[in-house]
Amino acid sequence: MAQAKCGVDSQTYAQIDTCSPGRVFDAAVTVAPSDDERLAHGGCRAVVDEEQDTKVKISEALEAAARAVGYDPVERSDAAAIRAAEARAVGTGVDIPAGIAAQAQAAADANATAAHAEDKITIGDVLKWNATAKLPSGKAVTREDAAAAVEAEAAHAPGKATKPYGVGAALTEAARRNQEGTCRK
């Protein structure tokens, strides 16, 4: 673990390719430190877990599912898997009122009564580019996270079967990559 000191209002960070240690991209970006991060770490010191930074995050796995099955309408099983993933990302007992789980559930409810297929809300509508912005945690996917999402998806799916490239499958693949230490490309 590395510690970064904050004593100024902004810091310059270089973008580093985590799969090729030492390779730095040209762009240096001035970024203001997050107030949340400063408060969480006693007002000044921020702790960066460098190993965690190379792992696939729950929000990234959800966005991968959106790319894989984004045109599929949101079903109750998808909403359940997304709710399980959100709960694993932010912790049990924490509810995000306008979070992606609430959006997915509202979409599944609306899709159940939609008259035409083109009126249905898709997984991509709920998750694409939205998961990373809406989930406040950068928690890496674990096998337990993936298992919770798969279990929730199967429990709410017709025939108790998960989608081959759905939310549960995306989290399972991310957990496998994280466990093996496979770099993201």
N, C-alpha and C. Protein backbone atom coordinates (compact mmCIF):
# COMPACT_ATOMS: atom_id res chain seq x y z
N MET A 1 0.84 -1.17 0.00
CA MET A 1 0.00 0.00 0.00
C MET A 1 0.89 1.24 0.00
N ALA A 2 0.50 2.22 -0.77
CA ALA A 2 1.24 3.47 -0.84
C ALA A 2 0.39 4.58 -0.25
N GLN A 3 1.05 5.54 0.38
CA GLN A 3 0.32 6.68 0.93
C GLN A 3 0.61 7.91 0.10
N ALA A 4 -0.42 8.67 -0.18
CA ALA A 4 -0.26 9.93 -0.89
C ALA A 4 -0.61 11.05 0.07
N LYS A 5 0.22 12.09 0.12
CA LYS A 5 -0.05 13.22 1.00
C LYS A 5 -0.83 14.27 0.22
N CYS A 6 -1.78 14.86 0.88
CA CYS A 6 -2.49 15.97 0.25
C CYS A 6 -2.24 17.21 1.07
N GLY A 7 -1.71 18.20 0.47
CA GLY A 7 -1.47 19.44 1.16
C GLY A 7 -1.85 20.61 0.29
N VAL A 8 -2.23 20.32 -0.93
CA VAL A 8 -2.64 21.35 -1.88
C VAL A 8 -4.04 21.03 -2.37
N ASP A 9 -4.63 22.01 -3.03
CA ASP A 9 -6.00 21.82 -3.50
C ASP A 9 -6.09 20.94 -4.74
N SER A 10 -5.01 20.81 -5.48
CA SER A 10 -5.05 19.93 -6.65
C SER A 10 -3.73 19.20 -6.77
N GLN A 11 -3.80 18.06 -7.43
CA GLN A 11 -2.61 17.23 -7.62
C GLN A 11 -2.55 16.83 -9.08
N THR A 12 -1.34 16.60 -9.58
CA THR A 12 -1.19 16.14 -10.95
C THR A 12 -0.90 14.66 -10.91
N TYR A 13 -1.68 13.92 -11.67
CA TYR A 13 -1.51 12.47 -11.73
C TYR A 13 -1.16 12.08 -13.16
N ALA A 14 -0.27 11.12 -13.32
CA ALA A 14 0.03 10.56 -14.63
C ALA A 14 -0.79 9.29 -14.79
N GLN A 15 -1.27 9.06 -16.00
CA GLN A 15 -2.02 7.83 -16.26
C GLN A 15 -1.02 6.71 -16.50
N ILE A 16 -1.12 5.67 -15.69
CA ILE A 16 -0.17 4.56 -15.77
C ILE A 16 -0.88 3.32 -16.25
N ASP A 17 -0.27 2.62 -17.19
CA ASP A 17 -0.79 1.35 -17.68
C ASP A 17 -0.44 0.30 -16.64
N THR A 18 -1.45 -0.23 -15.92
CA THR A 18 -1.19 -1.16 -14.82
C THR A 18 -0.73 -2.52 -15.30
N CYS A 19 -0.93 -2.84 -16.56
CA CYS A 19 -0.48 -4.13 -17.08
C CYS A 19 0.99 -4.09 -17.49
N SER A 20 1.54 -2.92 -17.74
CA SER A 20 2.93 -2.75 -18.10
C SER A 20 3.56 -1.76 -17.13
N PRO A 21 3.99 -2.24 -15.96
CA PRO A 21 4.52 -1.32 -14.96
C PRO A 21 5.63 -0.45 -15.55
N GLY A 22 5.57 0.82 -15.24
CA GLY A 22 6.57 1.74 -15.74
C GLY A 22 6.16 2.48 -16.99
N ARG A 23 5.15 2.00 -17.71
CA ARG A 23 4.71 2.66 -18.92
C ARG A 23 3.74 3.77 -18.54
N VAL A 24 4.07 4.97 -18.89
CA VAL A 24 3.24 6.12 -18.54
C VAL A 24 2.74 6.76 -19.83
N PHE A 25 1.45 7.04 -19.88
CA PHE A 25 0.89 7.74 -21.03
C PHE A 25 1.29 9.21 -20.94
N ASP A 26 1.25 9.92 -22.05
CA ASP A 26 1.70 11.31 -22.12
C ASP A 26 0.87 12.27 -21.28
N ALA A 27 -0.40 11.97 -21.10
CA ALA A 27 -1.32 12.95 -20.52
C ALA A 27 -1.18 13.05 -19.01
N ALA A 28 -0.87 14.25 -18.55
CA ALA A 28 -0.93 14.54 -17.13
C ALA A 28 -2.18 15.38 -16.93
N VAL A 29 -2.98 15.02 -15.96
CA VAL A 29 -4.26 15.67 -15.74
C VAL A 29 -4.27 16.27 -14.34
N THR A 30 -4.71 17.51 -14.21
CA THR A 30 -4.85 18.12 -12.90
C THR A 30 -6.20 17.72 -12.35
N VAL A 31 -6.17 17.10 -11.18
CA VAL A 31 -7.39 16.59 -10.57
C VAL A 31 -7.49 17.12 -9.15
N ALA A 32 -8.62 17.68 -8.81
CA ALA A 32 -8.83 18.14 -7.44
C ALA A 32 -9.11 16.93 -6.56
N PRO A 33 -8.52 16.85 -5.37
CA PRO A 33 -8.79 15.71 -4.50
C PRO A 33 -10.26 15.66 -4.12
N SER A 34 -10.78 14.49 -4.01
CA SER A 34 -12.18 14.31 -3.66
C SER A 34 -12.41 14.66 -2.19
N ASP A 35 -13.44 15.46 -1.95
CA ASP A 35 -13.77 15.79 -0.56
C ASP A 35 -14.11 14.52 0.22
N ASP A 36 -14.82 13.59 -0.44
CA ASP A 36 -15.17 12.34 0.22
C ASP A 36 -13.93 11.57 0.64
N GLU A 37 -12.94 11.52 -0.26
CA GLU A 37 -11.72 10.80 0.04
C GLU A 37 -10.98 11.45 1.21
N ARG A 38 -10.90 12.77 1.21
CA ARG A 38 -10.21 13.45 2.30
C ARG A 38 -10.92 13.21 3.63
N LEU A 39 -12.24 13.28 3.64
CA LEU A 39 -12.98 13.04 4.87
C LEU A 39 -12.82 11.61 5.35
N ALA A 40 -12.84 10.67 4.42
CA ALA A 40 -12.73 9.26 4.77
C ALA A 40 -11.37 8.93 5.36
N HIS A 41 -10.35 9.70 5.01
CA HIS A 41 -9.00 9.40 5.48
C HIS A 41 -8.48 10.47 6.43
N GLY A 42 -9.35 10.94 7.32
CA GLY A 42 -8.93 11.85 8.37
C GLY A 42 -8.65 13.27 7.92
N GLY A 43 -9.12 13.67 6.76
CA GLY A 43 -8.98 15.03 6.32
C GLY A 43 -7.77 15.31 5.47
N CYS A 44 -6.78 14.42 5.45
CA CYS A 44 -5.60 14.74 4.64
C CYS A 44 -5.00 13.55 3.92
N ARG A 45 -4.75 12.47 4.60
CA ARG A 45 -4.03 11.36 3.97
C ARG A 45 -4.98 10.44 3.21
N ALA A 46 -4.55 10.06 2.02
CA ALA A 46 -5.31 9.12 1.21
C ALA A 46 -4.47 7.86 1.05
N VAL A 47 -5.10 6.72 1.16
CA VAL A 47 -4.40 5.46 1.01
C VAL A 47 -4.82 4.83 -0.31
N VAL A 48 -3.85 4.43 -1.11
CA VAL A 48 -4.13 3.81 -2.39
C VAL A 48 -3.67 2.37 -2.33
N ASP A 49 -4.56 1.45 -2.53
CA ASP A 49 -4.22 0.04 -2.58
C ASP A 49 -3.90 -0.28 -4.04
N GLU A 50 -2.62 -0.31 -4.37
CA GLU A 50 -2.21 -0.45 -5.76
C GLU A 50 -2.66 -1.77 -6.37
N GLU A 51 -2.73 -2.85 -5.57
CA GLU A 51 -3.18 -4.12 -6.11
C GLU A 51 -4.66 -4.05 -6.47
N GLN A 52 -5.45 -3.41 -5.64
CA GLN A 52 -6.89 -3.28 -5.88
C GLN A 52 -7.16 -2.47 -7.15
N ASP A 53 -6.29 -1.50 -7.46
CA ASP A 53 -6.49 -0.64 -8.62
C ASP A 53 -6.43 -1.40 -9.93
N THR A 54 -5.79 -2.55 -9.99
CA THR A 54 -5.70 -3.30 -11.24
C THR A 54 -6.84 -4.31 -11.39
N LYS A 55 -7.66 -4.43 -10.40
CA LYS A 55 -8.76 -5.40 -10.41
C LYS A 55 -9.98 -4.82 -11.12
N VAL A 56 -10.80 -5.72 -11.67
CA VAL A 56 -12.06 -5.32 -12.30
C VAL A 56 -13.05 -5.00 -11.18
N LYS A 57 -13.63 -3.84 -11.24
CA LYS A 57 -14.58 -3.38 -10.22
C LYS A 57 -15.99 -3.87 -10.54
N ILE A 58 -16.85 -3.89 -9.54
CA ILE A 58 -18.24 -4.33 -9.73
C ILE A 58 -18.92 -3.45 -10.78
N SER A 59 -18.73 -2.15 -10.69
CA SER A 59 -19.37 -1.25 -11.65
C SER A 59 -18.87 -1.52 -13.07
N GLU A 60 -17.60 -1.84 -13.24
CA GLU A 60 -17.06 -2.14 -14.57
C GLU A 60 -17.64 -3.45 -15.11
N ALA A 61 -17.83 -4.43 -14.24
CA ALA A 61 -18.44 -5.69 -14.67
C ALA A 61 -19.89 -5.48 -15.10
N LEU A 62 -20.61 -4.62 -14.39
CA LEU A 62 -21.99 -4.31 -14.77
C LEU A 62 -22.03 -3.62 -16.13
N GLU A 63 -21.10 -2.72 -16.38
CA GLU A 63 -21.05 -2.07 -17.68
C GLU A 63 -20.65 -3.05 -18.78
N ALA A 64 -19.84 -4.05 -18.45
CA ALA A 64 -19.51 -5.10 -19.42
C ALA A 64 -20.76 -5.90 -19.78
N ALA A 65 -21.59 -6.17 -18.79
CA ALA A 65 -22.86 -6.87 -19.06
C ALA A 65 -23.73 -6.02 -19.97
N ALA A 66 -23.72 -4.71 -19.77
CA ALA A 66 -24.51 -3.81 -20.62
C ALA A 66 -24.03 -3.86 -22.06
N ARG A 67 -22.73 -3.99 -22.25
CA ARG A 67 -22.21 -4.09 -23.61
C ARG A 67 -22.54 -5.44 -24.24
N ALA A 68 -22.57 -6.49 -23.42
CA ALA A 68 -22.82 -7.84 -23.95
C ALA A 68 -24.30 -8.08 -24.26
N VAL A 69 -25.18 -7.67 -23.37
CA VAL A 69 -26.62 -7.94 -23.55
C VAL A 69 -27.43 -6.65 -23.43
N GLY A 70 -26.83 -5.55 -23.83
CA GLY A 70 -27.44 -4.24 -23.66
C GLY A 70 -28.76 -4.04 -24.36
N TYR A 71 -29.01 -4.77 -25.43
CA TYR A 71 -30.26 -4.59 -26.17
C TYR A 71 -31.39 -5.45 -25.62
N ASP A 72 -31.09 -6.32 -24.67
CA ASP A 72 -32.13 -7.14 -24.05
C ASP A 72 -32.93 -6.29 -23.07
N PRO A 73 -34.25 -6.49 -23.04
CA PRO A 73 -35.05 -5.75 -22.05
C PRO A 73 -34.72 -6.21 -20.63
N VAL A 74 -34.81 -5.30 -19.69
CA VAL A 74 -34.56 -5.64 -18.29
C VAL A 74 -35.68 -6.52 -17.79
N GLU A 75 -35.32 -7.67 -17.22
CA GLU A 75 -36.28 -8.59 -16.63
C GLU A 75 -36.08 -8.58 -15.12
N ARG A 76 -37.00 -9.21 -14.42
CA ARG A 76 -36.90 -9.25 -12.95
C ARG A 76 -35.61 -9.93 -12.50
N SER A 77 -35.16 -10.93 -13.24
CA SER A 77 -33.92 -11.62 -12.88
C SER A 77 -32.72 -10.69 -13.03
N ASP A 78 -32.73 -9.85 -14.05
CA ASP A 78 -31.64 -8.88 -14.23
C ASP A 78 -31.64 -7.88 -13.08
N ALA A 79 -32.83 -7.39 -12.73
CA ALA A 79 -32.94 -6.43 -11.63
C ALA A 79 -32.45 -7.03 -10.32
N ALA A 80 -32.77 -8.30 -10.09
CA ALA A 80 -32.32 -8.97 -8.87
C ALA A 80 -30.80 -9.10 -8.83
N ALA A 81 -30.20 -9.45 -9.97
CA ALA A 81 -28.74 -9.58 -10.03
C ALA A 81 -28.07 -8.22 -9.84
N ILE A 82 -28.64 -7.19 -10.43
CA ILE A 82 -28.09 -5.84 -10.28
C ILE A 82 -28.22 -5.38 -8.83
N ARG A 83 -29.35 -5.68 -8.20
CA ARG A 83 -29.54 -5.32 -6.79
C ARG A 83 -28.50 -6.03 -5.92
N ALA A 84 -28.25 -7.31 -6.19
CA ALA A 84 -27.25 -8.06 -5.42
C ALA A 84 -25.86 -7.46 -5.62
N ALA A 85 -25.55 -7.09 -6.86
CA ALA A 85 -24.24 -6.50 -7.14
C ALA A 85 -24.09 -5.15 -6.44
N GLU A 86 -25.14 -4.34 -6.48
CA GLU A 86 -25.09 -3.04 -5.81
C GLU A 86 -24.92 -3.22 -4.30
N ALA A 87 -25.63 -4.18 -3.73
CA ALA A 87 -25.52 -4.44 -2.29
C ALA A 87 -24.11 -4.88 -1.93
N ARG A 88 -23.48 -5.69 -2.77
CA ARG A 88 -22.11 -6.13 -2.51
C ARG A 88 -21.14 -4.96 -2.66
N ALA A 89 -21.44 -4.02 -3.54
CA ALA A 89 -20.54 -2.89 -3.76
C ALA A 89 -20.60 -1.88 -2.63
N VAL A 90 -21.79 -1.61 -2.10
CA VAL A 90 -21.93 -0.57 -1.08
C VAL A 90 -22.11 -1.12 0.32
N GLY A 91 -22.36 -2.40 0.44
CA GLY A 91 -22.56 -3.02 1.74
C GLY A 91 -24.03 -3.31 1.99
N THR A 92 -24.28 -4.39 2.73
CA THR A 92 -25.65 -4.77 3.02
C THR A 92 -26.28 -3.76 3.96
N GLY A 93 -27.55 -3.54 3.77
CA GLY A 93 -28.28 -2.60 4.60
C GLY A 93 -28.21 -1.17 4.10
N VAL A 94 -27.39 -0.91 3.08
CA VAL A 94 -27.30 0.42 2.50
C VAL A 94 -28.14 0.42 1.23
N ASP A 95 -29.07 1.36 1.15
CA ASP A 95 -29.93 1.45 -0.03
C ASP A 95 -29.68 2.78 -0.71
N ILE A 96 -29.45 2.74 -2.01
CA ILE A 96 -29.27 3.96 -2.79
C ILE A 96 -30.60 4.23 -3.48
N PRO A 97 -31.37 5.21 -3.02
CA PRO A 97 -32.73 5.44 -3.52
C PRO A 97 -32.83 5.57 -5.04
N ALA A 98 -31.94 6.29 -5.68
CA ALA A 98 -32.00 6.45 -7.14
C ALA A 98 -30.86 5.70 -7.81
N GLY A 99 -30.40 4.64 -7.17
CA GLY A 99 -29.27 3.87 -7.69
C GLY A 99 -29.65 2.98 -8.85
N ILE A 100 -28.67 2.24 -9.33
CA ILE A 100 -28.92 1.39 -10.50
C ILE A 100 -29.86 0.23 -10.18
N ALA A 101 -29.86 -0.24 -8.94
CA ALA A 101 -30.78 -1.33 -8.57
C ALA A 101 -32.22 -0.83 -8.62
N ALA A 102 -32.46 0.37 -8.11
CA ALA A 102 -33.81 0.94 -8.15
C ALA A 102 -34.23 1.21 -9.59
N GLN A 103 -33.31 1.69 -10.41
CA GLN A 103 -33.61 1.93 -11.82
C GLN A 103 -33.92 0.62 -12.54
N ALA A 104 -33.14 -0.42 -12.25
CA ALA A 104 -33.36 -1.72 -12.89
C ALA A 104 -34.71 -2.30 -12.48
N GLN A 105 -35.06 -2.17 -11.20
CA GLN A 105 -36.35 -2.69 -10.74
C GLN A 105 -37.50 -1.93 -11.39
N ALA A 106 -37.39 -0.62 -11.48
CA ALA A 106 -38.42 0.19 -12.13
C ALA A 106 -38.54 -0.18 -13.61
N ALA A 107 -37.41 -0.44 -14.26
CA ALA A 107 -37.41 -0.84 -15.66
C ALA A 107 -38.07 -2.21 -15.84
N ALA A 108 -37.76 -3.15 -14.95
CA ALA A 108 -38.36 -4.48 -15.03
C ALA A 108 -39.87 -4.40 -14.82
N ASP A 109 -40.30 -3.58 -13.87
CA ASP A 109 -41.74 -3.40 -13.62
C ASP A 109 -42.42 -2.78 -14.84
N ALA A 110 -41.80 -1.77 -15.44
CA ALA A 110 -42.37 -1.12 -16.63
C ALA A 110 -42.39 -2.08 -17.81
N ASN A 111 -41.34 -2.88 -17.96
CA ASN A 111 -41.27 -3.82 -19.08
C ASN A 111 -42.33 -4.91 -18.97
N ALA A 112 -42.70 -5.27 -17.75
CA ALA A 112 -43.71 -6.32 -17.55
C ALA A 112 -45.06 -5.91 -18.12
N THR A 113 -45.31 -4.61 -18.19
CA THR A 113 -46.61 -4.13 -18.70
C THR A 113 -46.49 -3.40 -20.04
N ALA A 114 -45.29 -3.36 -20.62
CA ALA A 114 -45.11 -2.67 -21.91
C ALA A 114 -45.85 -3.42 -23.01
N ALA A 115 -46.54 -2.67 -23.83
CA ALA A 115 -47.35 -3.26 -24.90
C ALA A 115 -46.50 -3.73 -26.07
N HIS A 116 -45.43 -3.03 -26.38
CA HIS A 116 -44.60 -3.36 -27.54
C HIS A 116 -43.15 -3.55 -27.12
N ALA A 117 -42.45 -4.40 -27.84
CA ALA A 117 -41.04 -4.68 -27.53
C ALA A 117 -40.19 -3.41 -27.60
N GLU A 118 -40.49 -2.54 -28.55
CA GLU A 118 -39.69 -1.31 -28.68
C GLU A 118 -39.92 -0.32 -27.54
N ASP A 119 -40.96 -0.54 -26.75
CA ASP A 119 -41.24 0.32 -25.60
C ASP A 119 -40.49 -0.13 -24.34
N LYS A 120 -39.85 -1.28 -24.41
CA LYS A 120 -39.18 -1.82 -23.23
C LYS A 120 -37.83 -1.15 -22.99
N ILE A 121 -37.50 -1.03 -21.72
CA ILE A 121 -36.23 -0.44 -21.30
C ILE A 121 -35.18 -1.55 -21.30
N THR A 122 -34.03 -1.27 -21.88
CA THR A 122 -33.00 -2.30 -22.02
C THR A 122 -31.98 -2.25 -20.88
N ILE A 123 -31.22 -3.32 -20.78
CA ILE A 123 -30.14 -3.39 -19.79
C ILE A 123 -29.13 -2.28 -20.06
N GLY A 124 -28.87 -2.04 -21.34
CA GLY A 124 -27.96 -0.96 -21.71
C GLY A 124 -28.45 0.41 -21.25
N ASP A 125 -29.78 0.62 -21.33
CA ASP A 125 -30.35 1.89 -20.87
C ASP A 125 -30.07 2.12 -19.38
N VAL A 126 -30.08 1.06 -18.61
CA VAL A 126 -29.90 1.16 -17.16
C VAL A 126 -28.42 1.19 -16.77
N LEU A 127 -27.60 0.37 -17.43
CA LEU A 127 -26.23 0.18 -16.95
C LEU A 127 -25.13 0.87 -17.75
N LYS A 128 -25.29 1.02 -19.04
CA LYS A 128 -24.17 1.50 -19.84
C LYS A 128 -23.77 2.91 -19.42
N TRP A 129 -22.56 3.09 -19.03
CA TRP A 129 -21.96 4.33 -18.55
C TRP A 129 -22.56 4.81 -17.24
N ASN A 130 -23.56 4.14 -16.76
CA ASN A 130 -24.26 4.59 -15.57
C ASN A 130 -23.74 3.92 -14.31
N ALA A 131 -23.32 2.68 -14.42
CA ALA A 131 -22.93 1.91 -13.24
C ALA A 131 -21.73 2.54 -12.53
N THR A 132 -20.73 2.93 -13.27
CA THR A 132 -19.55 3.52 -12.65
C THR A 132 -19.88 4.85 -12.00
N ALA A 133 -20.76 5.62 -12.63
CA ALA A 133 -21.14 6.92 -12.07
C ALA A 133 -22.04 6.77 -10.85
N LYS A 134 -22.91 5.78 -10.84
CA LYS A 134 -23.89 5.64 -9.77
C LYS A 134 -23.39 4.85 -8.57
N LEU A 135 -22.47 3.91 -8.78
CA LEU A 135 -21.97 3.13 -7.65
C LEU A 135 -20.82 3.87 -6.98
N PRO A 136 -20.96 4.22 -5.71
CA PRO A 136 -19.95 5.01 -5.04
C PRO A 136 -18.71 4.22 -4.64
N SER A 137 -18.69 2.94 -4.88
CA SER A 137 -17.59 2.10 -4.43
C SER A 137 -16.74 1.64 -5.61
N GLY A 138 -15.46 1.55 -5.39
CA GLY A 138 -14.56 0.98 -6.38
C GLY A 138 -14.18 -0.43 -5.98
N LYS A 139 -15.12 -1.17 -5.40
CA LYS A 139 -14.85 -2.51 -4.88
C LYS A 139 -14.60 -3.49 -6.03
N ALA A 140 -13.51 -4.22 -5.93
CA ALA A 140 -13.19 -5.24 -6.92
C ALA A 140 -14.13 -6.44 -6.75
N VAL A 141 -14.45 -7.08 -7.86
CA VAL A 141 -15.36 -8.23 -7.84
C VAL A 141 -14.65 -9.44 -7.24
N THR A 142 -15.32 -10.11 -6.31
CA THR A 142 -14.81 -11.35 -5.72
C THR A 142 -15.72 -12.50 -6.13
N ARG A 143 -15.29 -13.71 -5.85
CA ARG A 143 -16.14 -14.87 -6.14
C ARG A 143 -17.46 -14.79 -5.38
N GLU A 144 -17.40 -14.28 -4.16
CA GLU A 144 -18.61 -14.16 -3.34
C GLU A 144 -19.60 -13.16 -3.96
N ASP A 145 -19.07 -12.07 -4.50
CA ASP A 145 -19.92 -11.07 -5.17
C ASP A 145 -20.62 -11.70 -6.37
N ALA A 146 -19.83 -12.42 -7.17
CA ALA A 146 -20.38 -13.07 -8.36
C ALA A 146 -21.42 -14.11 -7.99
N ALA A 147 -21.13 -14.90 -6.95
CA ALA A 147 -22.08 -15.94 -6.52
C ALA A 147 -23.39 -15.33 -6.05
N ALA A 148 -23.33 -14.21 -5.35
CA ALA A 148 -24.55 -13.54 -4.88
C ALA A 148 -25.39 -13.06 -6.05
N ALA A 149 -24.75 -12.50 -7.07
CA ALA A 149 -25.48 -12.02 -8.25
C ALA A 149 -26.07 -13.17 -9.05
N VAL A 150 -25.31 -14.24 -9.23
CA VAL A 150 -25.80 -15.41 -9.96
C VAL A 150 -26.98 -16.04 -9.23
N GLU A 151 -26.86 -16.16 -7.92
CA GLU A 151 -27.94 -16.74 -7.11
C GLU A 151 -29.21 -15.90 -7.20
N ALA A 152 -29.07 -14.59 -7.11
CA ALA A 152 -30.23 -13.70 -7.21
C ALA A 152 -30.86 -13.76 -8.60
N GLU A 153 -30.01 -13.79 -9.62
CA GLU A 153 -30.52 -13.86 -11.00
C GLU A 153 -31.28 -15.16 -11.23
N ALA A 154 -30.71 -16.27 -10.78
CA ALA A 154 -31.35 -17.58 -10.96
C ALA A 154 -32.66 -17.68 -10.18
N ALA A 155 -32.69 -17.13 -8.98
CA ALA A 155 -33.89 -17.21 -8.14
C ALA A 155 -35.07 -16.48 -8.76
N HIS A 156 -34.82 -15.47 -9.58
CA HIS A 156 -35.89 -14.68 -10.17
C HIS A 156 -36.10 -14.95 -11.66
N ALA A 157 -35.36 -15.90 -12.21
CA ALA A 157 -35.47 -16.20 -13.65
C ALA A 157 -36.47 -17.31 -13.89
N PRO A 158 -37.18 -17.22 -15.02
CA PRO A 158 -38.06 -18.33 -15.38
C PRO A 158 -37.20 -19.58 -15.61
N GLY A 159 -37.55 -20.67 -15.01
CA GLY A 159 -36.77 -21.90 -15.16
C GLY A 159 -35.50 -21.90 -14.33
N LYS A 160 -35.32 -20.89 -13.51
CA LYS A 160 -34.16 -20.78 -12.60
C LYS A 160 -32.83 -20.84 -13.34
N ALA A 161 -32.79 -20.31 -14.57
CA ALA A 161 -31.56 -20.32 -15.36
C ALA A 161 -31.07 -18.89 -15.56
N THR A 162 -29.76 -18.71 -15.51
CA THR A 162 -29.18 -17.38 -15.73
C THR A 162 -28.91 -17.19 -17.22
N LYS A 163 -28.74 -15.94 -17.62
CA LYS A 163 -28.40 -15.62 -19.02
C LYS A 163 -26.93 -15.94 -19.24
N PRO A 164 -26.59 -16.52 -20.39
CA PRO A 164 -25.19 -16.87 -20.64
C PRO A 164 -24.24 -15.67 -20.60
N TYR A 165 -24.68 -14.50 -21.01
CA TYR A 165 -23.82 -13.32 -21.00
C TYR A 165 -24.42 -12.19 -20.18
N GLY A 166 -25.22 -12.53 -19.20
CA GLY A 166 -25.92 -11.53 -18.39
C GLY A 166 -25.08 -10.97 -17.26
N VAL A 167 -25.76 -10.38 -16.32
CA VAL A 167 -25.11 -9.71 -15.19
C VAL A 167 -24.31 -10.71 -14.36
N GLY A 168 -24.90 -11.83 -14.02
CA GLY A 168 -24.20 -12.84 -13.23
C GLY A 168 -22.96 -13.37 -13.94
N ALA A 169 -23.09 -13.60 -15.24
CA ALA A 169 -21.96 -14.10 -16.03
C ALA A 169 -20.83 -13.07 -16.09
N ALA A 170 -21.18 -11.79 -16.22
CA ALA A 170 -20.17 -10.74 -16.27
C ALA A 170 -19.41 -10.65 -14.94
N LEU A 171 -20.14 -10.74 -13.84
CA LEU A 171 -19.48 -10.69 -12.53
C LEU A 171 -18.62 -11.94 -12.30
N THR A 172 -19.10 -13.09 -12.76
CA THR A 172 -18.33 -14.32 -12.63
C THR A 172 -17.02 -14.23 -13.39
N GLU A 173 -17.07 -13.72 -14.62
CA GLU A 173 -15.86 -13.57 -15.43
C GLU A 173 -14.90 -12.56 -14.79
N ALA A 174 -15.44 -11.47 -14.27
CA ALA A 174 -14.60 -10.47 -13.60
C ALA A 174 -13.93 -11.05 -12.36
N ALA A 175 -14.67 -11.83 -11.59
CA ALA A 175 -14.10 -12.46 -10.40
C ALA A 175 -12.99 -13.44 -10.78
N ARG A 176 -13.21 -14.18 -11.85
CA ARG A 176 -12.19 -15.13 -12.32
C ARG A 176 -10.92 -14.38 -12.71
N ARG A 177 -11.08 -13.30 -13.45
CA ARG A 177 -9.92 -12.50 -13.87
C ARG A 177 -9.20 -11.90 -12.66
N ASN A 178 -9.97 -11.42 -11.71
CA ASN A 178 -9.36 -10.83 -10.51
C ASN A 178 -8.60 -11.87 -9.71
N GLN A 179 -9.16 -13.07 -9.59
CA GLN A 179 -8.51 -14.12 -8.82
C GLN A 179 -7.23 -14.58 -9.51
N GLU A 180 -7.27 -14.67 -10.84
CA GLU A 180 -6.09 -15.11 -11.59
C GLU A 180 -5.05 -14.01 -11.73
N GLY A 181 -5.47 -12.78 -11.46
CA GLY A 181 -4.53 -11.67 -11.61
C GLY A 181 -4.35 -11.25 -13.05
N THR A 182 -5.31 -11.61 -13.91
CA THR A 182 -5.23 -11.23 -15.31
C THR A 182 -5.43 -9.73 -15.44
N CYS A 183 -4.55 -9.07 -16.14
CA CYS A 183 -4.67 -7.62 -16.32
C CYS A 183 -5.83 -7.29 -17.23
N ARG A 184 -6.42 -6.12 -16.97
CA ARG A 184 -7.47 -5.62 -17.85
C ARG A 184 -6.83 -5.07 -19.10
N LYS A 185 -7.48 -5.24 -20.20
CA LYS A 185 -6.98 -4.70 -21.48
C LYS A 185 -7.90 -3.64 -21.98
